[in-house]
Protein backbone atom coordinates (compact mmCIF):
# COMPACT_ATOMS: atom_id res chain seq x y z
CA MET A 1 0.00 0.00 0.00
CA ASP A 2 1.48 3.36 -1.02
CA PHE A 3 1.90 6.17 1.51
CA ALA A 4 -0.90 8.38 0.15
CA THR A 5 -3.46 5.57 0.29
CA GLN A 6 -2.36 4.52 3.78
CA ARG A 7 -2.64 8.12 4.96
CA THR A 8 -6.12 8.43 3.46
CA TYR A 9 -7.42 5.39 5.33
CA TYR A 10 -5.67 6.47 8.52
CA ASN A 11 -7.60 9.74 8.43
CA ARG A 12 -10.86 7.91 7.72
CA CYS A 13 -10.37 6.26 11.11
CA HIS A 14 -10.31 9.28 13.41
CA PHE A 15 -12.13 7.76 16.36
CA GLN A 16 -13.23 10.93 18.19
CA GLU A 17 -15.15 12.30 15.24
CA SER A 18 -18.96 12.61 15.20
CA LEU A 19 -20.21 11.79 11.72
CA ALA A 20 -22.87 13.67 9.80
CA PRO A 21 -25.82 11.53 8.59
CA ASP A 22 -24.71 11.86 4.97
CA ASP A 23 -21.09 10.84 5.66
CA ALA A 24 -20.26 7.66 3.75
CA ARG A 25 -18.62 6.25 6.90
CA ASN A 26 -21.80 6.66 8.92
CA LEU A 27 -23.40 3.29 9.60
CA ASP A 28 -26.97 3.01 10.85
CA ILE A 29 -26.07 0.30 13.35
CA ASP A 30 -29.67 -0.14 14.50
CA GLY A 31 -30.99 -0.45 10.95
CA ILE A 32 -29.03 -3.58 10.00
CA GLY A 33 -31.32 -6.61 9.90
CA PRO A 34 -34.31 -7.52 12.06
CA GLN A 35 -32.31 -8.36 15.20
CA LYS A 36 -31.33 -5.18 17.02
CA VAL A 37 -27.68 -5.32 18.05
CA ARG A 38 -28.20 -2.51 20.58
CA GLY A 39 -31.62 -3.64 21.78
CA SER A 40 -33.60 -1.01 19.91
CA ASN A 41 -33.58 1.38 16.98
CA TRP A 42 -32.57 4.38 19.05
CA VAL A 43 -33.32 7.12 16.53
CA GLU A 44 -36.74 5.60 15.87
CA THR A 45 -37.46 5.33 19.60
CA LEU A 46 -36.49 8.92 20.38
CA ALA A 47 -38.10 10.35 17.24
CA ARG A 48 -41.48 8.77 17.91
CA LYS A 49 -41.61 10.17 21.44
CA ILE A 50 -41.20 13.62 19.90
CA GLU A 51 -43.32 13.18 16.76
CA PHE A 52 -46.33 11.63 18.52
CA SER A 53 -46.57 14.00 21.49
CA ASP A 54 -48.70 17.13 21.55
CA PRO A 55 -47.41 18.26 24.97
CA PRO A 56 -43.69 19.15 25.05
CA VAL A 57 -41.54 16.12 25.81
CA PHE A 58 -38.63 16.02 28.23
CA LEU A 59 -36.03 13.35 27.42
CA LEU A 60 -32.77 12.31 29.06
CA PHE A 61 -30.20 10.44 26.96
CA THR A 62 -26.75 9.16 27.75
CA GLY A 63 -24.04 6.84 26.50
CA LEU A 64 -20.41 6.08 27.12
CA PRO A 65 -17.92 8.28 25.26
CA GLY A 66 -17.43 6.81 21.81
CA SER A 67 -20.63 4.74 21.83
CA GLY A 68 -21.99 6.78 18.91
CA LYS A 69 -24.39 8.98 20.86
CA SER A 70 -23.60 12.27 19.12
CA THR A 71 -23.74 10.58 15.72
CA GLU A 72 -27.18 9.16 16.57
CA LEU A 73 -28.39 12.58 17.70
CA ARG A 74 -27.35 14.06 14.36
CA ARG A 75 -29.28 11.29 12.62
CA LEU A 76 -32.27 12.16 14.82
CA ILE A 77 -32.02 15.81 13.80
CA ALA A 78 -31.96 14.86 10.12
CA ARG A 79 -35.12 12.80 10.55
CA LEU A 80 -37.01 15.46 12.50
CA SER A 81 -36.14 18.13 9.94
CA LYS A 82 -37.94 16.38 7.12
CA PRO A 83 -41.69 16.42 6.43
CA PRO A 84 -44.19 14.82 6.50
CA ARG A 85 -43.41 13.53 10.00
CA GLY A 86 -43.22 16.98 11.49
CA ASP A 87 -40.88 19.44 9.79
CA PHE A 88 -39.49 20.46 13.16
CA LEU A 89 -36.87 23.14 13.65
CA PRO A 90 -34.19 21.23 15.60
CA VAL A 91 -31.71 23.26 17.63
CA LEU A 92 -28.52 21.39 18.46
CA ILE A 93 -26.48 22.79 21.35
CA ASP A 94 -22.95 21.59 22.01
CA GLY A 95 -22.30 21.77 25.73
CA GLU A 96 -18.55 21.89 25.15
CA THR A 97 -18.81 25.24 23.36
CA SER A 98 -21.64 26.80 25.38
CA LEU A 99 -20.71 25.79 28.96
CA ASP A 100 -17.60 25.27 31.05
CA LEU A 101 -17.89 21.50 31.53
CA THR A 102 -14.86 21.35 33.83
CA ASN A 103 -16.67 23.28 36.58
CA PRO A 104 -20.03 22.92 38.34
CA VAL A 105 -23.07 23.95 36.28
CA ASP A 106 -26.33 25.51 37.38
CA ILE A 107 -29.82 26.07 35.98
CA PRO A 108 -29.18 29.63 34.69
CA ASP A 109 -26.20 28.39 32.62
CA VAL A 110 -28.26 25.73 30.89
CA ILE A 111 -31.37 27.87 30.31
CA ALA A 112 -29.32 30.80 29.01
CA ALA A 113 -27.46 28.54 26.57
CA ILE A 114 -30.79 27.15 25.30
CA LEU A 115 -32.33 30.59 24.81
CA PHE A 116 -29.27 31.85 22.99
CA ALA A 117 -29.17 28.89 20.59
CA VAL A 118 -32.92 28.91 19.94
CA GLU A 119 -33.04 32.65 19.27
CA GLU A 120 -30.11 32.32 16.88
CA ALA A 121 -31.77 29.39 15.04
CA VAL A 122 -35.08 31.22 14.68
CA LEU A 123 -33.39 34.35 13.38
CA LYS A 124 -31.59 32.26 10.76
CA ALA A 125 -34.89 30.61 9.79
CA GLU A 126 -36.34 34.11 9.33
CA GLY A 127 -33.43 35.01 7.06
CA ARG A 128 -32.09 37.63 9.45
CA ASP A 129 -28.55 38.28 10.66
CA PRO A 130 -28.44 36.85 14.20
CA GLU A 131 -25.58 39.09 15.36
CA GLN A 132 -27.44 42.25 14.46
CA ALA A 133 -30.96 41.16 15.31
CA MET A 134 -30.04 39.80 18.74
CA MET A 135 -28.96 43.25 19.86
CA GLU A 136 -32.66 43.97 20.33
CA GLY A 137 -33.60 40.47 21.48
CA TYR A 138 -33.97 38.53 24.69
CA PHE A 139 -30.41 38.74 25.97
CA THR A 140 -30.25 42.50 25.74
CA ARG A 141 -33.49 42.63 27.76
CA LEU A 142 -32.11 40.06 30.22
CA TRP A 143 -28.88 42.01 30.64
CA ASN A 144 -30.83 45.20 31.29
CA TRP A 145 -32.94 43.42 33.91
CA LEU A 146 -29.86 41.93 35.62
CA THR A 147 -28.05 45.28 35.79
CA GLN A 148 -31.14 47.00 37.16
CA THR A 149 -31.53 44.26 39.77
CA ASP A 150 -27.90 44.46 40.92
CA LEU A 151 -26.15 47.76 40.28
CA GLU A 152 -22.68 46.17 40.61
CA LEU A 153 -23.27 44.14 37.48
CA GLY A 154 -21.99 45.87 34.35
CA LYS A 155 -19.22 47.63 36.25
CA GLY A 156 -15.53 46.80 36.68
CA GLU A 157 -14.84 43.07 36.44
CA PHE A 158 -18.49 42.39 35.60
CA THR A 159 -18.56 44.48 32.42
CA VAL A 160 -20.07 42.66 29.42
CA PRO A 161 -19.93 44.08 25.87
CA GLY A 162 -23.65 43.79 25.10
CA GLY A 163 -26.41 41.39 26.16
CA PRO A 164 -25.93 38.73 23.43
CA LYS A 165 -22.33 38.21 24.62
CA LEU A 166 -23.57 37.15 28.05
CA VAL A 167 -23.56 33.37 27.43
CA ALA A 168 -20.01 33.33 26.04
CA GLU A 169 -18.76 35.59 28.83
CA MET A 170 -20.38 33.41 31.51
CA ARG A 171 -18.63 30.37 30.08
CA THR A 172 -15.14 31.87 30.33
CA ARG A 173 -15.44 34.20 33.34
CA PRO A 174 -16.18 32.39 36.63
CA SER A 175 -16.66 35.63 38.60
CA LEU A 176 -19.30 36.89 36.18
CA ARG A 177 -20.95 33.46 36.11
CA GLY A 178 -21.15 33.40 39.88
CA LYS A 179 -22.60 36.92 40.02
CA VAL A 180 -25.31 36.18 37.46
CA ARG A 181 -26.19 32.93 39.22
CA SER A 182 -26.58 34.69 42.56
CA ILE A 183 -28.91 37.33 41.08
CA ILE A 184 -31.05 34.76 39.29
CA ALA A 185 -31.17 32.47 42.34
CA SER A 186 -32.87 35.29 44.24
CA HIS A 187 -35.45 35.65 41.47
CA LEU A 188 -35.51 32.11 40.05
CA SER A 189 -39.27 31.86 39.55
CA LEU A 190 -39.37 35.13 37.64
CA PHE A 191 -36.36 34.16 35.52
CA LEU A 192 -37.88 30.79 34.60
CA LYS A 193 -41.27 32.35 33.84
CA GLN A 194 -39.73 34.88 31.47
CA ALA A 195 -37.50 32.27 29.84
CA ARG A 196 -40.46 29.99 29.14
CA GLU A 197 -42.50 32.88 27.77
CA GLU A 198 -39.62 33.76 25.46
CA LEU A 199 -39.40 30.17 24.20
CA GLU A 200 -43.14 30.18 23.47
CA LEU A 201 -42.71 33.35 21.41
CA LEU A 202 -39.73 31.86 19.58
CA GLU A 203 -41.69 28.71 18.76
CA ALA A 204 -44.53 30.84 17.38
CA ARG A 205 -42.02 32.60 15.14
CA ALA A 206 -40.66 29.21 14.01
CA ARG A 207 -44.20 28.20 13.02
CA GLN A 208 -44.52 31.37 10.96
CA CYS A 209 -41.45 30.16 9.05
CA GLY A 210 -43.23 26.92 8.19
CA HIS A 211 -41.96 24.68 10.99
CA SER A 212 -44.37 22.67 13.13
CA ARG A 213 -42.44 22.81 16.42
CA LEU A 214 -39.09 23.53 18.00
CA VAL A 215 -36.91 20.68 19.28
CA VAL A 216 -33.94 21.49 21.51
CA ILE A 217 -31.18 18.86 21.70
CA PHE A 218 -28.54 19.67 24.30
CA ASP A 219 -25.56 17.45 23.55
CA SER A 220 -22.23 16.88 25.35
CA LEU A 221 -23.61 17.39 28.86
CA GLU A 222 -22.53 13.79 29.48
CA LYS A 223 -18.97 15.16 29.41
CA LEU A 224 -19.55 17.02 32.67
CA ARG A 225 -16.86 15.39 34.75
CA GLY A 226 -14.55 18.14 35.96
CA THR A 227 -11.00 17.37 36.96
CA SER A 228 -9.50 15.08 39.57
CA GLU A 229 -9.76 17.94 42.07
CA ASN A 230 -13.44 18.81 41.55
CA TRP A 231 -14.88 15.55 40.16
CA GLU A 232 -17.51 15.14 42.88
CA GLN A 233 -18.52 18.81 42.86
CA VAL A 234 -19.14 18.82 39.11
CA LEU A 235 -21.16 15.60 39.19
CA ALA A 236 -23.07 16.84 42.23
CA SER A 237 -24.03 19.99 40.31
CA ALA A 238 -25.34 17.88 37.42
CA GLU A 239 -27.23 15.69 39.86
CA ARG A 240 -28.84 18.74 41.49
CA ILE A 241 -30.23 20.15 38.27
CA PHE A 242 -31.36 16.82 36.75
CA ALA A 243 -32.57 14.99 39.87
CA GLY A 244 -36.20 14.67 40.87
CA GLY A 245 -37.44 14.94 37.30
CA ALA A 246 -35.54 18.22 36.74
CA PRO A 247 -38.66 20.43 37.02
CA HIS A 248 -36.73 23.62 36.24
CA LEU A 249 -35.48 22.20 32.95
CA HIS A 250 -38.90 21.24 31.61
CA LEU A 251 -39.68 23.74 28.88
CA PRO A 252 -42.68 24.67 26.68
CA VAL A 253 -40.83 23.11 23.70
CA HIS A 254 -39.58 19.58 23.09
CA VAL A 255 -36.19 19.16 24.76
CA LEU A 256 -33.64 16.34 25.01
CA TYR A 257 -30.66 16.59 27.37
CA THR A 258 -27.66 14.30 27.46
CA ILE A 259 -26.49 13.60 31.00
CA PRO A 260 -23.33 12.09 32.53
CA THR A 261 -23.45 8.28 32.59
CA ALA A 262 -22.34 8.42 36.22
CA LEU A 263 -25.75 9.82 37.17
CA VAL A 264 -27.40 6.54 36.17
CA SER A 265 -25.90 4.92 39.27
CA ARG A 266 -27.66 7.57 41.35
CA ARG A 267 -31.03 5.95 40.64
CA PHE A 268 -32.13 8.24 37.84
CA GLU A 269 -35.28 7.00 36.14
CA HIS A 270 -36.39 7.20 32.52
CA VAL A 271 -32.92 7.70 31.04
CA SER A 272 -32.26 6.26 27.57
CA PHE A 273 -28.79 4.70 27.72
CA LEU A 274 -27.13 3.88 24.37
CA PRO A 275 -25.44 0.48 24.78
CA MET A 276 -22.54 -1.16 22.96
CA ILE A 277 -22.87 -3.47 19.97
CA LYS A 278 -23.76 -6.87 21.39
CA LEU A 279 -21.19 -9.39 20.14
CA ALA A 280 -22.34 -12.17 22.46
CA ASN A 281 -25.47 -13.13 24.32
CA ARG A 282 -25.63 -12.84 28.07
CA ASP A 283 -24.66 -16.50 28.45
CA GLY A 284 -21.51 -15.92 26.36
CA THR A 285 -22.70 -17.58 23.16
CA PRO A 286 -21.85 -15.62 19.97
CA PHE A 287 -24.38 -13.18 18.55
CA PRO A 288 -23.62 -13.13 14.80
CA PRO A 289 -25.74 -10.03 13.94
CA GLY A 290 -23.59 -7.99 16.31
CA PHE A 291 -20.39 -9.19 14.70
CA ASP A 292 -21.83 -8.46 11.24
CA ALA A 293 -22.67 -4.89 12.30
CA ALA A 294 -19.15 -4.39 13.67
CA ARG A 295 -17.65 -5.85 10.49
CA GLU A 296 -19.69 -3.43 8.36
CA LEU A 297 -18.50 -0.55 10.57
CA VAL A 298 -14.92 -1.54 9.63
CA ARG A 299 -15.87 -1.81 5.96
CA ARG A 300 -17.27 1.74 5.96
CA ARG A 301 -13.85 3.01 7.03
CA VAL A 302 -11.59 0.70 5.04
CA PRO A 303 -12.81 -1.48 2.13
CA ASP A 304 -12.10 -5.20 2.05
CA ASN A 305 -9.35 -5.06 -0.58
CA ALA A 306 -7.43 -2.49 1.50
CA ILE A 307 -7.95 -4.53 4.68
CA ALA A 308 -6.17 -7.43 3.01
CA GLU A 309 -3.24 -5.15 2.22
CA ILE A 310 -3.09 -3.96 5.82
CA LEU A 311 -3.65 -7.23 7.69
CA GLY A 312 -2.41 -9.82 5.19
CA PRO A 313 -3.93 -13.07 3.89
CA ASP A 314 -5.54 -13.86 7.27
CA SER A 315 -7.25 -10.46 7.30
CA GLU A 316 -10.74 -11.77 8.15
CA ALA A 317 -9.46 -13.76 11.10
CA ARG A 318 -7.53 -10.73 12.29
CA ILE A 319 -10.55 -8.44 11.87
CA ALA A 320 -12.57 -10.91 13.94
CA GLU A 321 -9.92 -10.72 16.67
CA LEU A 322 -9.92 -6.92 16.51
CA ILE A 323 -13.71 -6.84 16.87
CA HIS A 324 -13.51 -9.26 19.81
CA TRP A 325 -10.99 -7.06 21.62
CA SER A 326 -13.23 -4.00 21.12
CA GLY A 327 -16.02 -5.51 23.20
CA GLY A 328 -18.46 -4.05 20.66
CA TYR A 329 -17.35 -0.53 21.57
CA PRO A 330 -17.54 1.45 18.29
CA ARG A 331 -14.78 3.93 19.13
CA GLU A 332 -12.45 1.08 20.12
CA ILE A 333 -13.04 -0.67 16.80
CA VAL A 334 -12.06 2.43 14.85
CA ARG A 335 -9.14 3.22 17.16
CA LEU A 336 -7.65 -0.27 16.82
CA LEU A 337 -8.03 -0.01 13.06
CA GLN A 338 -6.18 3.30 13.06
CA LEU A 339 -3.39 1.79 15.18
CA ALA A 340 -2.96 -0.91 12.55
CA LEU A 341 -2.77 1.75 9.84
CA ALA A 342 -0.06 3.66 11.72
CA HIS A 343 2.58 0.97 11.10
CA ASP A 344 5.28 1.48 8.50
CA ASP A 345 5.46 -2.11 7.31
CA LEU A 346 2.26 -3.50 5.83
CA PRO A 347 0.83 -6.05 5.90
CA LEU A 348 1.32 -6.32 9.65
CA SER A 349 3.56 -9.07 10.94
CA GLN A 350 2.18 -11.24 13.74
CA PRO A 351 4.36 -9.52 16.41
CA ASP A 352 3.18 -6.07 15.24
CA PHE A 353 -0.43 -7.25 15.20
CA GLU A 354 -0.17 -8.66 18.72
CA ARG A 355 1.52 -5.47 19.90
CA ILE A 356 -1.68 -3.52 19.15
CA PHE A 357 -3.61 -5.58 21.71
CA ASN A 358 -0.75 -5.59 24.20
CA GLU A 359 -0.82 -1.79 24.10
CA LEU A 360 -4.58 -1.88 24.59
CA LYS A 361 -4.24 -4.13 27.64
CA ASP A 362 -1.48 -1.94 29.07
CA ALA A 363 -3.67 1.16 28.67
CA TYR A 364 -6.53 -0.41 30.63
CA ARG A 365 -4.19 -1.70 33.35
CA LYS A 366 -3.18 1.91 33.98
CA ILE A 367 -6.74 3.13 34.57
CA VAL A 368 -7.94 0.23 36.73
CA PRO A 369 -6.87 0.55 40.38
CA ALA A 370 -6.13 -2.55 42.42
CA ASP A 371 -8.94 -1.80 44.86
CA ALA A 372 -11.43 -2.20 41.97
CA PHE A 373 -10.43 -5.80 41.13
CA ASP A 374 -12.92 -7.51 43.46
CA TRP A 375 -15.82 -5.32 42.34
CA LEU A 376 -14.98 -5.80 38.65
CA ALA A 377 -14.97 -9.55 39.23
CA GLN A 378 -18.41 -9.18 40.80
CA VAL A 379 -19.67 -7.22 37.77
CA ALA A 380 -18.35 -9.91 35.42
CA THR A 381 -20.01 -12.66 37.46
CA GLU A 382 -23.38 -11.02 38.18
CA GLN A 383 -23.51 -8.81 35.04
CA TYR A 384 -24.93 -5.92 37.06
CA TYR A 385 -23.51 -2.47 37.73
CA THR A 386 -24.04 -2.22 41.48
CA VAL A 387 -22.44 0.58 43.49
CA LEU A 388 -21.51 -0.82 46.88
CA ASN A 389 -21.67 2.42 48.89
CA ASN A 390 -21.02 6.15 48.59
CA ASP A 391 -17.28 5.71 49.17
CA HIS A 392 -17.14 3.24 46.31
CA ARG A 393 -19.20 5.35 43.91
CA GLN A 394 -16.35 7.40 42.44
CA ILE A 395 -14.30 4.32 41.52
CA ALA A 396 -17.36 2.63 39.99
CA ASP A 397 -18.23 5.76 38.00
CA GLN A 398 -14.65 6.05 36.77
CA MET A 399 -14.73 2.43 35.58
CA LEU A 400 -17.91 3.12 33.62
CA LEU A 401 -16.71 6.43 32.16
CA ASN A 402 -13.40 4.89 31.09
CA ASN A 403 -15.19 1.96 29.43
CA ALA A 404 -13.69 -0.65 31.75
CA VAL A 405 -17.32 -1.71 32.24
CA LEU A 406 -19.55 -1.89 29.15
CA ARG A 407 -23.35 -1.92 28.92
CA TYR A 408 -25.38 -4.15 26.61
CA VAL A 409 -29.07 -4.85 25.99
CA ASN A 410 -30.51 -8.36 25.63
CA GLY A 411 -34.16 -7.92 26.55
CA ASN A 412 -32.96 -6.35 29.80
CA ASP A 413 -29.78 -4.35 30.16
CA TRP A 414 -26.65 -6.05 31.50
CA PHE A 415 -22.99 -5.23 32.00
CA ASP A 416 -19.69 -6.91 31.30
CA LEU A 417 -16.00 -6.07 31.43
CA HIS A 418 -14.05 -4.72 28.51
CA PRO A 419 -12.04 -7.72 27.19
CA ALA A 420 -8.76 -5.99 28.06
CA VAL A 421 -9.94 -5.46 31.64
CA ALA A 422 -11.01 -9.09 31.93
CA GLU A 423 -7.40 -10.06 31.13
CA ILE A 424 -5.84 -8.04 33.96
CA PRO A 425 -4.17 -10.63 36.27
CA GLY A 426 -5.67 -9.14 39.44
CA VAL A 427 -9.17 -9.22 37.94
CA LYS A 428 -8.71 -12.83 36.72
CA LYS A 429 -7.55 -13.84 40.20
CA ALA A 430 -10.56 -12.15 41.83
CA ARG A 431 -12.94 -13.88 39.41
CA ALA A 432 -11.36 -17.25 40.15
CA ALA A 433 -11.79 -16.64 43.88
CA LEU A 434 -15.46 -15.78 43.37
CA ALA A 435 -15.99 -18.92 41.31
CA GLN A 436 -14.29 -21.07 43.94
CA ALA A 437 -16.38 -19.53 46.72
CA ALA A 438 -19.54 -20.29 44.76
CA THR A 439 -18.60 -23.95 44.21
CA PRO A 440 -20.15 -26.28 46.81
CA SER A 441 -17.52 -28.11 48.80
CA ALA A 442 -17.46 -31.90 48.58
CA PRO A 443 -19.06 -33.78 51.50
């Protein structure tokens, strides 16, 4: 394989990339065959909840990083945008660009980001210049109200160059963010009332442009995890605003929020959780439709003739091994493929091929602490994600967020270890001890 071709396929395998619905690499994993490899057709499930409902729906959605969640949400947007099912005006918000996800969040941050994105989308639908038109819109009125409520705002360190800049400034300036939060907290009911009224007006304007409804999709909130120093504080802030049905985040328009996967262990109800591709049934027997879906995912990135050049005459056997080591985790499949493409000498020799999986195992050994071995063995044996106590919660959440534990659906949801984690000597020893303890002793 020449350098230019190898480079092309390498770049087709960027594993942190969310794909647009019309991207040739985009595979509708849930649309392959009658047997659902992730338990459901997730776009269909989410879309019908929105399309069928007259009252505004409130949806929570999550998935492990790299499970394909953002790609599925973009497919959902494409479906909702097309008549005759609804001709909605979808508004996609990227939490990474509208919020500071490394620090605690609060209700005003989320509501302000939604209002900003919706107003901008409606102005575009009207054919107007958002930057100019928003100078007379909601955020200028909000800024005027905030500065009248607290005379310190707008002066010195709290100066903001115009109302529409408020959301961006709050994201990057903690002191301003804290000041605005404190003002709104003292007048939360009024703030929420005015925000909901503004969204009703914006939806009416969207209808005048020929759209049936507004749909807000707030993506990337699942990446709220902070740093090692403020991990618990950031997750606690997400738990506060989404717990108890999140009454303050129910809006007069359809809205879907992504949430951190760690919140699922905090007994959140009615959360759609995107699972991995099921490669095996719960009893360990192979599930061929899952393997076929994973094989097609590879084919969308690198065609079969090129795979043979990369992996050699035993390419199908090697692809099967690569898929096995991924655990059905889409990002892992693409990442392992890119690692194979990074080698100078193709097709890969057996030592080079084995080195890919050795590196994978080494990477997981580094993120799994020794005090998690017994619990991971328990997860592998019982196939449940059970948090033992509050002290244990952070380790369990870290194992889920780092894909050491993977979720599947087979009628009911169940959990298993990433294959590389299952091979860690300490985990294997803990599993053997569990098995021995469960074996009845001879009389």
